[in-house]
PDB file of all heavy atoms in Angstrom:
ATOM      1  N   VAL A   1      21.981  19.494  19.874  1.00  0.00           N
ATOM      2  CA  VAL A   1      23.113  18.642  20.301  1.00  0.00           C
ATOM      3  C   VAL A   1      24.023  19.423  21.232  1.00  0.00           C
ATOM      4  O   VAL A   1      24.445  18.965  22.275  1.00  0.00           O
ATOM      5  CB  VAL A   1      23.836  18.068  19.084  1.00  0.00           C
ATOM      6  CG1 VAL A   1      25.105  17.393  19.508  1.00  0.00           C
ATOM      7  CG2 VAL A   1      22.948  17.078  18.330  1.00  0.00           C
ATOM      8  N   LEU A   2      24.361  20.670  20.802  1.00  0.00           N
ATOM      9  CA  LEU A   2      25.269  21.476  21.603  1.00  0.00           C
ATOM     10  C   LEU A   2      24.680  21.826  22.935  1.00  0.00           C
ATOM     11  O   LEU A   2      25.358  21.830  23.973  1.00  0.00           O
ATOM     12  CB  LEU A   2      25.613  22.740  20.788  1.00  0.00           C
ATOM     13  CG  LEU A   2      26.711  23.614  21.343  1.00  0.00           C
ATOM     14  CD1 LEU A   2      28.044  22.869  21.382  1.00  0.00           C
ATOM     15  CD2 LEU A   2      26.876  24.881  20.494  1.00  0.00           C
ATOM     16  N   GLY A   3      23.358  22.180  22.941  1.00  0.00           N
ATOM     17  CA  GLY A   3      22.706  22.522  24.193  1.00  0.00           C
ATOM     18  C   GLY A   3      22.675  21.394  25.185  1.00  0.00           C
ATOM     19  O   GLY A   3      22.972  21.552  26.393  1.00  0.00           O
ATOM     20  N   THR A   4      22.326  20.192  24.716  1.00  0.00           N
ATOM     21  CA  THR A   4      22.235  19.066  25.625  1.00  0.00           C
ATOM     22  C   THR A   4      23.649  18.632  26.076  1.00  0.00           C
ATOM     23  O   THR A   4      23.805  18.213  27.199  1.00  0.00           O
ATOM     24  CB  THR A   4      21.532  17.877  24.955  1.00  0.00           C
ATOM     25  OG1 THR A   4      22.081  17.603  23.700  1.00  0.00           O
ATOM     26  CG2 THR A   4      20.059  18.170  24.780  1.00  0.00           C
ATOM     27  N   ALA A   5      24.619  18.772  25.189  1.00  0.00           N
ATOM     28  CA  ALA A   5      26.022  18.479  25.566  1.00  0.00           C
ATOM     29  C   ALA A   5      26.543  19.472  26.590  1.00  0.00           C
ATOM     30  O   ALA A   5      27.360  19.125  27.426  1.00  0.00           O
ATOM     31  CB  ALA A   5      26.944  18.497  24.350  1.00  0.00           C
ATOM     32  N   GLY A   6      26.017  20.679  26.547  1.00  0.00           N
ATOM     33  CA  GLY A   6      26.407  21.697  27.528  1.00  0.00           C
ATOM     34  C   GLY A   6      25.674  21.700  28.820  1.00  0.00           C
ATOM     35  O   GLY A   6      25.835  22.542  29.668  1.00  0.00           O
ATOM     36  N   GLY A   7      24.804  20.665  29.009  1.00  0.00           N
ATOM     37  CA  GLY A   7      24.076  20.557  30.286  1.00  0.00           C
ATOM     38  C   GLY A   7      22.689  21.087  30.336  1.00  0.00           C
ATOM     39  O   GLY A   7      22.078  21.095  31.365  1.00  0.00           O
ATOM     40  N   MET A   8      22.159  21.564  29.214  1.00  0.00           N
ATOM     41  CA  MET A   8      20.809  22.097  29.215  1.00  0.00           C
ATOM     42  C   MET A   8      19.819  20.917  28.982  1.00  0.00           C
ATOM     43  O   MET A   8      20.146  19.967  28.330  1.00  0.00           O
ATOM     44  CB  MET A   8      20.607  23.141  28.065  1.00  0.00           C
ATOM     45  CG  MET A   8      21.446  24.379  28.194  1.00  0.00           C
ATOM     46  SD  MET A   8      21.352  25.476  26.755  1.00  0.00           S
ATOM     47  CE  MET A   8      19.687  26.045  26.893  1.00  0.00           C
ATOM     48  N   SER A   9      18.654  21.092  29.504  1.00  0.00           N
ATOM     49  CA  SER A   9      17.611  20.073  29.272  1.00  0.00           C
ATOM     50  C   SER A   9      16.982  20.348  27.895  1.00  0.00           C
ATOM     51  O   SER A   9      17.116  21.427  27.309  1.00  0.00           O
ATOM     52  CB  SER A   9      16.511  20.147  30.342  1.00  0.00           C
ATOM     53  OG  SER A   9      15.743  21.343  30.202  1.00  0.00           O
ATOM     54  N   SER A  10      16.289  19.331  27.392  1.00  0.00           N
ATOM     55  CA  SER A  10      15.616  19.489  26.099  1.00  0.00           C
ATOM     56  C   SER A  10      14.627  20.674  26.137  1.00  0.00           C
ATOM     57  O   SER A  10      14.515  21.396  25.173  1.00  0.00           O
ATOM     58  CB  SER A  10      14.915  18.218  25.727  1.00  0.00           C
ATOM     59  OG  SER A  10      15.795  17.172  25.591  1.00  0.00           O
ATOM     60  N   LYS A  11      13.961  20.815  27.231  1.00  0.00           N
ATOM     61  CA  LYS A  11      12.967  21.878  27.367  1.00  0.00           C
ATOM     62  C   LYS A  11      13.621  23.248  27.317  1.00  0.00           C
ATOM     63  O   LYS A  11      13.103  24.155  26.696  1.00  0.00           O
ATOM     64  CB  LYS A  11      12.275  21.709  28.716  1.00  0.00           C
ATOM     65  CG  LYS A  11      10.858  22.236  28.758  1.00  0.00           C
ATOM     66  CD  LYS A  11      10.194  21.923  30.101  1.00  0.00           C
ATOM     67  CE  LYS A  11       8.898  21.190  29.791  1.00  0.00           C
ATOM     68  NZ  LYS A  11       8.125  20.882  30.980  1.00  0.00           N
ATOM     69  N   GLU A  12      14.802  23.374  27.930  1.00  0.00           N
ATOM     70  CA  GLU A  12      15.516  24.674  27.886  1.00  0.00           C
ATOM     71  C   GLU A  12      16.012  24.997  26.472  1.00  0.00           C
ATOM     72  O   GLU A  12      15.914  26.137  26.019  1.00  0.00           O
ATOM     73  CB  GLU A  12      16.735  24.660  28.840  1.00  0.00           C
ATOM     74  CG  GLU A  12      16.359  24.623  30.270  1.00  0.00           C
ATOM     75  CD  GLU A  12      17.534  24.466  31.215  1.00  0.00           C
ATOM     76  OE1 GLU A  12      18.414  23.604  30.864  1.00  0.00           O
ATOM     77  OE2 GLU A  12      17.595  25.161  32.213  1.00  0.00           O
ATOM     78  N   VAL A  13      16.445  23.968  25.760  1.00  0.00           N
ATOM     79  CA  VAL A  13      16.952  24.210  24.378  1.00  0.00           C
ATOM     80  C   VAL A  13      15.771  24.639  23.499  1.00  0.00           C
ATOM     81  O   VAL A  13      15.897  25.628  22.762  1.00  0.00           O
ATOM     82  CB  VAL A  13      17.550  22.938  23.812  1.00  0.00           C
ATOM     83  CG1 VAL A  13      17.921  23.069  22.318  1.00  0.00           C
ATOM     84  CG2 VAL A  13      18.851  22.562  24.595  1.00  0.00           C
ATOM     85  N   ILE A  14      14.625  23.953  23.625  1.00  0.00           N
ATOM     86  CA  ILE A  14      13.452  24.295  22.827  1.00  0.00           C
ATOM     87  C   ILE A  14      12.884  25.680  23.202  1.00  0.00           C
ATOM     88  O   ILE A  14      12.424  26.417  22.306  1.00  0.00           O
ATOM     89  CB  ILE A  14      12.370  23.189  22.949  1.00  0.00           C
ATOM     90  CG1 ILE A  14      12.956  21.905  22.289  1.00  0.00           C
ATOM     91  CG2 ILE A  14      11.054  23.606  22.359  1.00  0.00           C
ATOM     92  CD1 ILE A  14      12.097  20.700  22.532  1.00  0.00           C
ATOM     93  N   ALA A  15      13.002  26.060  24.433  1.00  0.00           N
ATOM     94  CA  ALA A  15      12.525  27.403  24.890  1.00  0.00           C
ATOM     95  C   ALA A  15      13.339  28.518  24.221  1.00  0.00           C
ATOM     96  O   ALA A  15      12.784  29.607  24.050  1.00  0.00           O
ATOM     97  CB  ALA A  15      12.632  27.506  26.396  1.00  0.00           C
ATOM     98  N   GLY A  16      14.542  28.268  23.802  1.00  0.00           N
ATOM     99  CA  GLY A  16      15.372  29.262  23.115  1.00  0.00           C
ATOM    100  C   GLY A  16      15.053  29.422  21.645  1.00  0.00           C
ATOM    101  O   GLY A  16      15.539  30.293  20.988  1.00  0.00           O
ATOM    102  N   PHE A  17      14.199  28.533  21.142  1.00  0.00           N
ATOM    103  CA  PHE A  17      13.826  28.595  19.716  1.00  0.00           C
ATOM    104  C   PHE A  17      12.651  29.507  19.515  1.00  0.00           C
ATOM    105  O   PHE A  17      11.618  29.349  20.090  1.00  0.00           O
ATOM    106  CB  PHE A  17      13.502  27.157  19.262  1.00  0.00           C
ATOM    107  CG  PHE A  17      13.212  27.028  17.812  1.00  0.00           C
ATOM    108  CD1 PHE A  17      14.181  27.196  16.883  1.00  0.00           C
ATOM    109  CD2 PHE A  17      11.898  26.768  17.343  1.00  0.00           C
ATOM    110  CE1 PHE A  17      13.951  27.107  15.523  1.00  0.00           C
ATOM    111  CE2 PHE A  17      11.659  26.676  15.999  1.00  0.00           C
ATOM    112  CZ  PHE A  17      12.696  26.813  15.055  1.00  0.00           C
ATOM    113  N   ASN A  18      12.793  30.507  18.642  1.00  0.00           N
ATOM    114  CA  ASN A  18      11.741  31.510  18.377  1.00  0.00           C
ATOM    115  C   ASN A  18      10.829  30.942  17.347  1.00  0.00           C
ATOM    116  O   ASN A  18      11.069  31.043  16.137  1.00  0.00           O
ATOM    117  CB  ASN A  18      12.398  32.815  17.939  1.00  0.00           C
ATOM    118  CG  ASN A  18      11.399  33.904  17.812  1.00  0.00           C
ATOM    119  OD1 ASN A  18      10.211  33.736  17.616  1.00  0.00           O
ATOM    120  ND2 ASN A  18      11.923  35.142  17.928  1.00  0.00           N
ATOM    121  N   SER A  19       9.705  30.363  17.806  1.00  0.00           N
ATOM    122  CA  SER A  19       8.753  29.732  16.902  1.00  0.00           C
ATOM    123  C   SER A  19       8.062  30.771  15.995  1.00  0.00           C
ATOM    124  O   SER A  19       7.745  30.469  14.866  1.00  0.00           O
ATOM    125  CB  SER A  19       7.736  28.903  17.650  1.00  0.00           C
ATOM    126  OG  SER A  19       7.063  29.704  18.608  1.00  0.00           O
ATOM    127  N   SER A  20       7.827  31.958  16.503  1.00  0.00           N
ATOM    128  CA  SER A  20       7.169  32.986  15.734  1.00  0.00           C
ATOM    129  C   SER A  20       8.022  33.401  14.528  1.00  0.00           C
ATOM    130  O   SER A  20       7.512  33.494  13.377  1.00  0.00           O
ATOM    131  CB  SER A  20       6.928  34.220  16.569  1.00  0.00           C
ATOM    132  OG  SER A  20       6.419  35.275  15.843  1.00  0.00           O
ATOM    133  N   LEU A  21       9.311  33.560  14.737  1.00  0.00           N
ATOM    134  CA  LEU A  21      10.204  33.882  13.641  1.00  0.00           C
ATOM    135  C   LEU A  21      10.267  32.723  12.646  1.00  0.00           C
ATOM    136  O   LEU A  21      10.288  32.938  11.447  1.00  0.00           O
ATOM    137  CB  LEU A  21      11.615  34.179  14.160  1.00  0.00           C
ATOM    138  CG  LEU A  21      12.701  34.509  13.148  1.00  0.00           C
ATOM    139  CD1 LEU A  21      12.309  35.717  12.338  1.00  0.00           C
ATOM    140  CD2 LEU A  21      14.010  34.717  13.826  1.00  0.00           C
ATOM    141  N   PHE A  22      10.260  31.474  13.168  1.00  0.00           N
ATOM    142  CA  PHE A  22      10.315  30.331  12.299  1.00  0.00           C
ATOM    143  C   PHE A  22       9.062  30.252  11.377  1.00  0.00           C
ATOM    144  O   PHE A  22       9.174  30.069  10.187  1.00  0.00           O
ATOM    145  CB  PHE A  22      10.363  29.034  13.127  1.00  0.00           C
ATOM    146  CG  PHE A  22      10.308  27.793  12.319  1.00  0.00           C
ATOM    147  CD1 PHE A  22      11.399  27.363  11.596  1.00  0.00           C
ATOM    148  CD2 PHE A  22       9.129  27.024  12.284  1.00  0.00           C
ATOM    149  CE1 PHE A  22      11.352  26.207  10.839  1.00  0.00           C
ATOM    150  CE2 PHE A  22       9.086  25.868  11.497  1.00  0.00           C
ATOM    151  CZ  PHE A  22      10.185  25.450  10.794  1.00  0.00           C
ATOM    152  N   VAL A  23       7.877  30.484  11.985  1.00  0.00           N
ATOM    153  CA  VAL A  23       6.624  30.526  11.170  1.00  0.00           C
ATOM    154  C   VAL A  23       6.703  31.642  10.121  1.00  0.00           C
ATOM    155  O   VAL A  23       6.301  31.429   8.993  1.00  0.00           O
ATOM    156  CB  VAL A  23       5.410  30.642  12.080  1.00  0.00           C
ATOM    157  CG1 VAL A  23       4.155  30.886  11.287  1.00  0.00           C
ATOM    158  CG2 VAL A  23       5.259  29.378  12.918  1.00  0.00           C
ATOM    159  N   THR A  24       7.202  32.796  10.496  1.00  0.00           N
ATOM    160  CA  THR A  24       7.318  33.928   9.542  1.00  0.00           C
ATOM    161  C   THR A  24       8.259  33.511   8.373  1.00  0.00           C
ATOM    162  O   THR A  24       7.922  33.717   7.236  1.00  0.00           O
ATOM    163  CB  THR A  24       7.907  35.195  10.243  1.00  0.00           C
ATOM    164  OG1 THR A  24       7.017  35.517  11.291  1.00  0.00           O
ATOM    165  CG2 THR A  24       8.078  36.315   9.257  1.00  0.00           C
ATOM    166  N   MET A  25       9.402  32.968   8.686  1.00  0.00           N
ATOM    167  CA  MET A  25      10.364  32.595   7.645  1.00  0.00           C
ATOM    168  C   MET A  25       9.811  31.489   6.734  1.00  0.00           C
ATOM    169  O   MET A  25       9.967  31.537   5.545  1.00  0.00           O
ATOM    170  CB  MET A  25      11.661  32.158   8.283  1.00  0.00           C
ATOM    171  CG  MET A  25      12.444  33.339   8.898  1.00  0.00           C
ATOM    172  SD  MET A  25      13.898  32.847   9.776  1.00  0.00           S
ATOM    173  CE  MET A  25      14.952  32.364   8.455  1.00  0.00           C
ATOM    174  N   VAL A  26       9.148  30.510   7.345  1.00  0.00           N
ATOM    175  CA  VAL A  26       8.561  29.447   6.527  1.00  0.00           C
ATOM    176  C   VAL A  26       7.413  29.986   5.674  1.00  0.00           C
ATOM    177  O   VAL A  26       7.342  29.662   4.480  1.00  0.00           O
ATOM    178  CB  VAL A  26       8.020  28.284   7.417  1.00  0.00           C
ATOM    179  CG1 VAL A  26       7.141  27.328   6.641  1.00  0.00           C
ATOM    180  CG2 VAL A  26       9.170  27.555   8.072  1.00  0.00           C
ATOM    181  N   GLY A  27       6.606  30.883   6.248  1.00  0.00           N
ATOM    182  CA  GLY A  27       5.550  31.512   5.478  1.00  0.00           C
ATOM    183  C   GLY A  27       6.016  32.323   4.265  1.00  0.00           C
ATOM    184  O   GLY A  27       5.531  32.201   3.178  1.00  0.00           O
ATOM    185  N   VAL A  28       7.086  33.122   4.541  1.00  0.00           N
ATOM    186  CA  VAL A  28       7.616  33.929   3.452  1.00  0.00           C
ATOM    187  C   VAL A  28       8.315  33.054   2.419  1.00  0.00           C
ATOM    188  O   VAL A  28       8.146  33.336   1.203  1.00  0.00           O
ATOM    189  CB  VAL A  28       8.604  34.994   4.041  1.00  0.00           C
ATOM    190  CG1 VAL A  28       9.355  35.674   2.910  1.00  0.00           C
ATOM    191  CG2 VAL A  28       7.830  36.032   4.841  1.00  0.00           C
TER     192      VAL A  28
END
């Protein structure tokens, strides 16, 4: 919400999300 309100596209917001870290945290 904050990224899109700040003028970023959905693709740019998602690109900032570290999926590898997410998978590690979910796995642990």
